[in-house]
PDB file of N, CA and C in Angstrom:
ATOM      1  N   MET A   1     178.314 279.069  35.194  1.00  0.00           N
ATOM      2  CA  MET A   1     176.932 278.652  35.209  1.00  0.00           C
ATOM      3  C   MET A   1     176.860 277.217  34.702  1.00  0.00           C
ATOM      4  N   ARG A   2     176.110 276.396  35.386  1.00  0.00           N
ATOM      5  CA  ARG A   2     175.973 275.009  34.980  1.00  0.00           C
ATOM      6  C   ARG A   2     175.064 274.903  33.762  1.00  0.00           C
ATOM      7  N   ARG A   3     175.277 273.845  32.993  1.00  0.00           N
ATOM      8  CA  ARG A   3     174.537 273.677  31.739  1.00  0.00           C
ATOM      9  C   ARG A   3     173.027 273.627  31.976  1.00  0.00           C
ATOM     10  N   TYR A   4     172.563 272.921  33.034  1.00  0.00           N
ATOM     11  CA  TYR A   4     171.128 272.847  33.260  1.00  0.00           C
ATOM     12  C   TYR A   4     170.545 274.220  33.583  1.00  0.00           C
ATOM     13  N   GLN A   5     171.340 275.105  34.205  1.00  0.00           N
ATOM     14  CA  GLN A   5     170.859 276.456  34.469  1.00  0.00           C
ATOM     15  C   GLN A   5     170.701 277.231  33.168  1.00  0.00           C
ATOM     16  N   VAL A   6     171.616 277.031  32.239  1.00  0.00           N
ATOM     17  CA  VAL A   6     171.501 277.678  30.929  1.00  0.00           C
ATOM     18  C   VAL A   6     170.250 277.182  30.224  1.00  0.00           C
ATOM     19  N   VAL A   7     170.037 275.865  30.268  1.00  0.00           N
ATOM     20  CA  VAL A   7     168.857 275.279  29.623  1.00  0.00           C
ATOM     21  C   VAL A   7     167.588 275.854  30.227  1.00  0.00           C
ATOM     22  N   LEU A   8     167.498 275.885  31.542  1.00  0.00           N
ATOM     23  CA  LEU A   8     166.299 276.423  32.188  1.00  0.00           C
ATOM     24  C   LEU A   8     166.110 277.900  31.872  1.00  0.00           C
ATOM     25  N   SER A   9     167.190 278.650  31.833  1.00  0.00           N
ATOM     26  CA  SER A   9     167.090 280.071  31.496  1.00  0.00           C
ATOM     27  C   SER A   9     166.541 280.260  30.094  1.00  0.00           C
ATOM     28  N   LEU A  10     167.006 279.443  29.169  1.00  0.00           N
ATOM     29  CA  LEU A  10     166.531 279.558  27.789  1.00  0.00           C
ATOM     30  C   LEU A  10     165.076 279.138  27.665  1.00  0.00           C
ATOM     31  N   ILE A  11     164.691 278.120  28.404  1.00  0.00           N
ATOM     32  CA  ILE A  11     163.315 277.650  28.355  1.00  0.00           C
ATOM     33  C   ILE A  11     162.362 278.727  28.846  1.00  0.00           C
ATOM     34  N   VAL A  12     162.696 279.358  29.948  1.00  0.00           N
ATOM     35  CA  VAL A  12     161.829 280.381  30.524  1.00  0.00           C
ATOM     36  C   VAL A  12     161.952 281.694  29.774  1.00  0.00           C
ATOM     37  N   GLY A  13     163.014 281.871  29.019  1.00  0.00           N
ATOM     38  CA  GLY A  13     163.195 283.098  28.254  1.00  0.00           C
ATOM     39  C   GLY A  13     164.006 284.149  28.985  1.00  0.00           C
ATOM     40  N   LEU A  14     164.769 283.715  29.960  1.00  0.00           N
ATOM     41  CA  LEU A  14     165.593 284.646  30.717  1.00  0.00           C
ATOM     42  C   LEU A  14     166.996 284.704  30.132  1.00  0.00           C
ATOM     43  N   THR A  15     167.707 285.729  30.489  1.00  0.00           N
ATOM     44  CA  THR A  15     169.084 285.878  30.046  1.00  0.00           C
ATOM     45  C   THR A  15     169.983 284.968  30.881  1.00  0.00           C
ATOM     46  N   PRO A  16     170.691 284.016  30.250  1.00  0.00           N
ATOM     47  CA  PRO A  16     171.574 283.138  31.025  1.00  0.00           C
ATOM     48  C   PRO A  16     172.634 283.948  31.760  1.00  0.00           C
ATOM     49  N   GLY A  17     172.964 283.513  32.957  1.00  0.00           N
ATOM     50  CA  GLY A  17     174.017 284.159  33.715  1.00  0.00           C
ATOM     51  C   GLY A  17     173.519 285.133  34.770  1.00  0.00           C
ATOM     52  N   LEU A  18     172.229 285.428  34.743  1.00  0.00           N
ATOM     53  CA  LEU A  18     171.697 286.349  35.747  1.00  0.00           C
ATOM     54  C   LEU A  18     171.531 285.631  37.072  1.00  0.00           C
ATOM     55  N   ALA A  19     171.694 286.372  38.158  1.00  0.00           N
ATOM     56  CA  ALA A  19     171.436 285.825  39.483  1.00  0.00           C
ATOM     57  C   ALA A  19     169.939 285.579  39.629  1.00  0.00           C
ATOM     58  N   LEU A  20     169.574 284.752  40.598  1.00  0.00           N
ATOM     59  CA  LEU A  20     168.168 284.407  40.792  1.00  0.00           C
ATOM     60  C   LEU A  20     167.304 285.650  41.003  1.00  0.00           C
ATOM     61  N   SER A  21     167.782 286.613  41.781  1.00  0.00           N
ATOM     62  CA  SER A  21     167.004 287.830  42.021  1.00  0.00           C
ATOM     63  C   SER A  21     166.857 288.652  40.741  1.00  0.00           C
ATOM     64  N   GLU A  22     167.892 288.640  39.899  1.00  0.00           N
ATOM     65  CA  GLU A  22     167.811 289.352  38.627  1.00  0.00           C
ATOM     66  C   GLU A  22     166.823 288.668  37.686  1.00  0.00           C
ATOM     67  N   GLN A  23     166.795 287.338  37.715  1.00  0.00           N
ATOM     68  CA  GLN A  23     165.829 286.607  36.900  1.00  0.00           C
ATOM     69  C   GLN A  23     164.411 286.897  37.363  1.00  0.00           C
ATOM     70  N   ALA A  24     164.209 286.950  38.680  1.00  0.00           N
ATOM     71  CA  ALA A  24     162.884 287.268  39.213  1.00  0.00           C
ATOM     72  C   ALA A  24     162.470 288.670  38.778  1.00  0.00           C
ATOM     73  N   ALA A  25     163.394 289.610  38.821  1.00  0.00           N
ATOM     74  CA  ALA A  25     163.094 290.975  38.391  1.00  0.00           C
ATOM     75  C   ALA A  25     162.767 291.015  36.897  1.00  0.00           C
ATOM     76  N   GLN A  26     163.506 290.254  36.100  1.00  0.00           N
ATOM     77  CA  GLN A  26     163.250 290.216  34.658  1.00  0.00           C
ATOM     78  C   GLN A  26     161.864 289.631  34.377  1.00  0.00           C
ATOM     79  N   LEU A  27     161.488 288.572  35.092  1.00  0.00           N
ATOM     80  CA  LEU A  27     160.154 287.999  34.930  1.00  0.00           C
ATOM     81  C   LEU A  27     159.063 288.986  35.358  1.00  0.00           C
ATOM     82  N   GLN A  28     159.301 289.709  36.435  1.00  0.00           N
ATOM     83  CA  GLN A  28     158.337 290.699  36.912  1.00  0.00           C
ATOM     84  C   GLN A  28     158.113 291.779  35.861  1.00  0.00           C
ATOM     85  N   LEU A  29     159.186 292.290  35.271  1.00  0.00           N
ATOM     86  CA  LEU A  29     159.056 293.316  34.236  1.00  0.00           C
ATOM     87  C   LEU A  29     158.325 292.772  33.011  1.00  0.00           C
ATOM     88  N   LEU A  30     158.620 291.547  32.652  1.00  0.00           N
ATOM     89  CA  LEU A  30     157.936 290.930  31.524  1.00  0.00           C
ATOM     90  C   LEU A  30     156.440 290.802  31.810  1.00  0.00           C
ATOM     91  N   ALA A  31     156.104 290.348  32.996  1.00  0.00           N
ATOM     92  CA  ALA A  31     154.693 290.197  33.373  1.00  0.00           C
ATOM     93  C   ALA A  31     153.982 291.548  33.391  1.00  0.00           C
ATOM     94  N   GLN A  32     154.626 292.573  33.910  1.00  0.00           N
ATOM     95  CA  GLN A  32     154.006 293.897  33.967  1.00  0.00           C
ATOM     96  C   GLN A  32     153.791 294.470  32.575  1.00  0.00           C
ATOM     97  N   SER A  33     154.670 294.138  31.635  1.00  0.00           N
ATOM     98  CA  SER A  33     154.537 294.674  30.288  1.00  0.00           C
ATOM     99  C   SER A  33     153.334 294.079  29.560  1.00  0.00           C
ATOM    100  N   ILE A  34     152.876 292.934  30.004  1.00  0.00           N
ATOM    101  CA  ILE A  34     151.735 292.273  29.370  1.00  0.00           C
ATOM    102  C   ILE A  34     150.427 292.964  29.744  1.00  0.00           C
ATOM    103  N   GLY A  35     150.340 293.478  30.957  1.00  0.00           N
ATOM    104  CA  GLY A  35     149.129 294.175  31.382  1.00  0.00           C
ATOM    105  C   GLY A  35     148.699 293.750  32.771  1.00  0.00           C
ATOM    106  N   ALA A  36     147.514 294.190  33.133  1.00  0.00           N
ATOM    107  CA  ALA A  36     146.990 293.925  34.474  1.00  0.00           C
ATOM    108  C   ALA A  36     146.582 292.457  34.616  1.00  0.00           C
ATOM    109  N   ILE A  37     146.674 291.961  35.836  1.00  0.00           N
ATOM    110  CA  ILE A  37     146.238 290.603  36.141  1.00  0.00           C
ATOM    111  C   ILE A  37     144.719 290.588  36.169  1.00  0.00           C
ATOM    112  N   ARG A  38     144.155 289.612  35.485  1.00  0.00           N
ATOM    113  CA  ARG A  38     142.691 289.489  35.465  1.00  0.00           C
ATOM    114  C   ARG A  38     142.291 288.177  36.120  1.00  0.00           C
ATOM    115  N   THR A  39     141.106 288.169  36.710  1.00  0.00           N
ATOM    116  CA  THR A  39     140.589 286.967  37.343  1.00  0.00           C
ATOM    117  C   THR A  39     140.131 285.985  36.272  1.00  0.00           C
ATOM    118  N   LEU A  40     140.423 284.725  36.503  1.00  0.00           N
ATOM    119  CA  LEU A  40     140.054 283.671  35.572  1.00  0.00           C
ATOM    120  C   LEU A  40     139.119 282.714  36.296  1.00  0.00           C
ATOM    121  N   ALA A  41     138.077 282.300  35.620  1.00  0.00           N
ATOM    122  CA  ALA A  41     137.138 281.344  36.223  1.00  0.00           C
ATOM    123  C   ALA A  41     137.892 280.060  36.577  1.00  0.00           C
ATOM    124  N   PRO A  42     137.666 279.529  37.777  1.00  0.00           N
ATOM    125  CA  PRO A  42     138.401 278.341  38.218  1.00  0.00           C
ATOM    126  C   PRO A  42     138.284 277.154  37.257  1.00  0.00           C
ATOM    127  N   GLU A  43     137.109 276.961  36.660  1.00  0.00           N
ATOM    128  CA  GLU A  43     136.950 275.823  35.749  1.00  0.00           C
ATOM    129  C   GLU A  43     137.788 275.997  34.475  1.00  0.00           C
ATOM    130  N   LEU A  44     137.974 277.247  34.024  1.00  0.00           N
ATOM    131  CA  LEU A  44     138.829 277.500  32.863  1.00  0.00           C
ATOM    132  C   LEU A  44     140.300 277.294  33.216  1.00  0.00           C
ATOM    133  N   ALA A  45     140.666 277.696  34.418  1.00  0.00           N
ATOM    134  CA  ALA A  45     142.045 277.492  34.876  1.00  0.00           C
ATOM    135  C   ALA A  45     142.352 275.999  34.961  1.00  0.00           C
ATOM    136  N   ARG A  46     141.423 275.221  35.490  1.00  0.00           N
ATOM    137  CA  ARG A  46     141.619 273.769  35.607  1.00  0.00           C
ATOM    138  C   ARG A  46     141.713 273.127  34.220  1.00  0.00           C
ATOM    139  N   GLU A  47     140.857 273.587  33.288  1.00  0.00           N
ATOM    140  CA  GLU A  47     140.886 273.050  31.928  1.00  0.00           C
ATOM    141  C   GLU A  47     142.239 273.327  31.261  1.00  0.00           C
ATOM    142  N   ALA A  48     142.749 274.551  31.415  1.00  0.00           N
ATOM    143  CA  ALA A  48     144.047 274.898  30.845  1.00  0.00           C
ATOM    144  C   ALA A  48     145.155 274.075  31.494  1.00  0.00           C
ATOM    145  N   HIS A  49     145.102 273.936  32.803  1.00  0.00           N
ATOM    146  CA  HIS A  49     146.078 273.144  33.547  1.00  0.00           C
ATOM    147  C   HIS A  49     146.102 271.706  33.040  1.00  0.00           C
ATOM    148  N   ASP A  50     144.927 271.102  32.954  1.00  0.00           N
ATOM    149  CA  ASP A  50     144.840 269.710  32.523  1.00  0.00           C
ATOM    150  C   ASP A  50     145.328 269.535  31.084  1.00  0.00           C
ATOM    151  N   PHE A  51     144.995 270.476  30.217  1.00  0.00           N
ATOM    152  CA  PHE A  51     145.429 270.400  28.830  1.00  0.00           C
ATOM    153  C   PHE A  51     146.951 270.449  28.730  1.00  0.00           C
ATOM    154  N   LEU A  52     147.563 271.378  29.456  1.00  0.00           N
ATOM    155  CA  LEU A  52     149.015 271.543  29.378  1.00  0.00           C
ATOM    156  C   LEU A  52     149.785 270.350  29.932  1.00  0.00           C
ATOM    157  N   LEU A  53     149.117 269.520  30.731  1.00  0.00           N
ATOM    158  CA  LEU A  53     149.779 268.347  31.297  1.00  0.00           C
ATOM    159  C   LEU A  53     149.489 267.065  30.526  1.00  0.00           C
ATOM    160  N   LYS A  54     148.798 267.155  29.393  1.00  0.00           N
ATOM    161  CA  LYS A  54     148.589 265.969  28.562  1.00  0.00           C
ATOM    162  C   LYS A  54     149.938 265.509  28.017  1.00  0.00           C
ATOM    163  N   ASP A  55     150.093 264.195  27.881  1.00  0.00           N
ATOM    164  CA  ASP A  55     151.365 263.642  27.430  1.00  0.00           C
ATOM    165  C   ASP A  55     151.825 264.244  26.109  1.00  0.00           C
ATOM    166  N   GLY A  56     150.926 264.372  25.163  1.00  0.00           N
ATOM    167  CA  GLY A  56     151.298 264.910  23.860  1.00  0.00           C
ATOM    168  C   GLY A  56     151.810 266.335  23.931  1.00  0.00           C
ATOM    169  N   VAL A  57     151.174 267.153  24.758  1.00  0.00           N
ATOM    170  CA  VAL A  57     151.586 268.548  24.897  1.00  0.00           C
ATOM    171  C   VAL A  57     152.937 268.631  25.601  1.00  0.00           C
ATOM    172  N   VAL A  58     153.098 267.873  26.670  1.00  0.00           N
ATOM    173  CA  VAL A  58     154.366 267.874  27.409  1.00  0.00           C
ATOM    174  C   VAL A  58     155.509 267.392  26.514  1.00  0.00           C
ATOM    175  N   ASN A  59     155.280 266.311  25.782  1.00  0.00           N
ATOM    176  CA  ASN A  59     156.334 265.773  24.912  1.00  0.00           C
ATOM    177  C   ASN A  59     156.668 266.736  23.777  1.00  0.00           C
ATOM    178  N   ALA A  60     155.661 267.350  23.183  1.00  0.00           N
ATOM    179  CA  ALA A  60     155.915 268.299  22.095  1.00  0.00           C
ATOM    180  C   ALA A  60     156.662 269.527  22.608  1.00  0.00           C
ATOM    181  N   THR A  61     156.303 269.999  23.791  1.00  0.00           N
ATOM    182  CA  THR A  61     156.971 271.158  24.376  1.00  0.00           C
ATOM    183  C   THR A  61     158.426 270.835  24.685  1.00  0.00           C
ATOM    184  N   PHE A  62     158.664 269.673  25.278  1.00  0.00           N
ATOM    185  CA  PHE A  62     160.037 269.282  25.582  1.00  0.00           C
ATOM    186  C   PHE A  62     160.857 269.162  24.306  1.00  0.00           C
ATOM    187  N   ALA A  63     160.281 268.549  23.280  1.00  0.00           N
ATOM    188  CA  ALA A  63     160.995 268.387  22.011  1.00  0.00           C
ATOM    189  C   ALA A  63     161.331 269.743  21.400  1.00  0.00           C
ATOM    190  N   TYR A  64     160.404 270.691  21.493  1.00  0.00           N
ATOM    191  CA  TYR A  64     160.644 272.045  20.974  1.00  0.00           C
ATOM    192  C   TYR A  64     161.799 272.693  21.724  1.00  0.00           C
ATOM    193  N   TRP A  65     161.764 272.618  23.065  1.00  0.00           N
ATOM    194  CA  TRP A  65     162.840 273.207  23.869  1.00  0.00           C
ATOM    195  C   TRP A  65     164.173 272.555  23.548  1.00  0.00           C
ATOM    196  N   ALA A  66     164.163 271.231  23.399  1.00  0.00           N
ATOM    197  CA  ALA A  66     165.405 270.520  23.087  1.00  0.00           C
ATOM    198  C   ALA A  66     165.972 270.985  21.749  1.00  0.00           C
ATOM    199  N   ARG A  67     165.113 271.151  20.748  1.00  0.00           N
ATOM    200  CA  ARG A  67     165.595 271.635  19.447  1.00  0.00           C
ATOM    201  C   ARG A  67     166.190 273.029  19.566  1.00  0.00           C
ATOM    202  N   GLN A  68     165.577 273.888  20.377  1.00  0.00           N
ATOM    203  CA  GLN A  68     166.097 275.245  20.566  1.00  0.00           C
ATOM    204  C   GLN A  68     167.483 275.209  21.207  1.00  0.00           C
ATOM    205  N   ILE A  69     167.644 274.366  22.207  1.00  0.00           N
ATOM    206  CA  ILE A  69     168.923 274.251  22.908  1.00  0.00           C
ATOM    207  C   ILE A  69     169.993 273.719  21.971  1.00  0.00           C
ATOM    208  N   VAL A  70     169.678 272.655  21.237  1.00  0.00           N
ATOM    209  CA  VAL A  70     170.661 272.057  20.333  1.00  0.00           C
ATOM    210  C   VAL A  70     171.028 273.031  19.224  1.00  0.00           C
ATOM    211  N   ARG A  71     170.062 273.795  18.736  1.00  0.00           N
ATOM    212  CA  ARG A  71     170.354 274.784  17.689  1.00  0.00           C
ATOM    213  C   ARG A  71     171.327 275.841  18.206  1.00  0.00           C
ATOM    214  N   LYS A  72     171.112 276.269  19.445  1.00  0.00           N
ATOM    215  CA  LYS A  72     171.951 277.329  20.007  1.00  0.00           C
ATOM    216  C   LYS A  72     173.268 276.788  20.563  1.00  0.00           C
ATOM    217  N   TYR A  73     173.219 275.587  21.127  1.00  0.00           N
ATOM    218  CA  TYR A  73     174.399 274.976  21.740  1.00  0.00           C
ATOM    219  C   TYR A  73     174.571 273.550  21.208  1.00  0.00           C
ATOM    220  N   PRO A  74     175.038 273.389  19.976  1.00  0.00           N
ATOM    221  CA  PRO A  74     175.150 272.052  19.386  1.00  0.00           C
ATOM    222  C   PRO A  74     176.070 271.115  20.166  1.00  0.00           C
ATOM    223  N   GLU A  75     176.980 271.665  20.938  1.00  0.00           N
ATOM    224  CA  GLU A  75     177.892 270.827  21.703  1.00  0.00           C
ATOM    225  C   GLU A  75     177.185 270.064  22.810  1.00  0.00           C
ATOM    226  N   THR A  76     175.958 270.436  23.145  1.00  0.00           N
ATOM    227  CA  THR A  76     175.241 269.720  24.208  1.00  0.00           C
ATOM    228  C   THR A  76     174.994 268.270  23.846  1.00  0.00           C
ATOM    229  N   LEU A  77     174.962 267.936  22.567  1.00  0.00           N
ATOM    230  CA  LEU A  77     174.738 266.545  22.165  1.00  0.00           C
ATOM    231  C   LEU A  77     175.937 265.667  22.471  1.00  0.00           C
ATOM    232  N   SER A  78     177.121 266.239  22.561  1.00  0.00           N
ATOM    233  CA  SER A  78     178.311 265.433  22.800  1.00  0.00           C
ATOM    234  C   SER A  78     179.007 265.780  24.111  1.00  0.00           C
ATOM    235  N   ALA A  79     178.345 266.532  24.968  1.00  0.00           N
ATOM    236  CA  ALA A  79     178.983 267.010  26.187  1.00  0.00           C
ATOM    237  C   ALA A  79     178.966 265.989  27.318  1.00  0.00           C
ATOM    238  N   GLY A  80     178.219 264.907  27.195  1.00  0.00           N
ATOM    239  CA  GLY A  80     178.163 263.919  28.251  1.00  0.00           C
ATOM    240  C   GLY A  80     177.097 264.258  29.284  1.00  0.00           C
ATOM    241  N   PRO A  81     177.039 263.477  30.355  1.00  0.00           N
ATOM    242  CA  PRO A  81     175.999 263.682  31.366  1.00  0.00           C
ATOM    243  C   PRO A  81     176.174 265.000  32.120  1.00  0.00           C
ATOM    244  N   ILE A  82     175.062 265.502  32.600  1.00  0.00           N
ATOM    245  CA  ILE A  82     175.079 266.734  33.406  1.00  0.00           C
ATOM    246  C   ILE A  82     175.480 266.369  34.822  1.00  0.00           C
ATOM    247  N   ARG A  83     176.432 267.092  35.356  1.00  0.00           N
ATOM    248  CA  ARG A  83     176.874 266.846  36.738  1.00  0.00           C
ATOM    249  C   ARG A  83     176.406 268.003  37.601  1.00  0.00           C
ATOM    250  N   ALA A  84     175.849 267.654  38.743  1.00  0.00           N
ATOM    251  CA  ALA A  84     175.331 268.686  39.654  1.00  0.00           C
ATOM    252  C   ALA A  84     176.436 269.377  40.396  1.00  0.00           C
TER     253      ALA A  84
END
């Protein structure tokens, strides 16, 4: 598994190493455990969308994810560039 896949798996909360279909199934089970889907007023959805895309929120979220990755995989700081 490539390092960026591990990072993305950790960010989303999935188990690293699962195939894409297994990750989709894991997300589906997680969503179902939360409860039924409810309708949201479009203006509230837009407000939430806009808030989550503010620079401060995006930067704070990225910094949080980065700290989680470095805590779990400290070697990522010295591993060099990610190769596709």
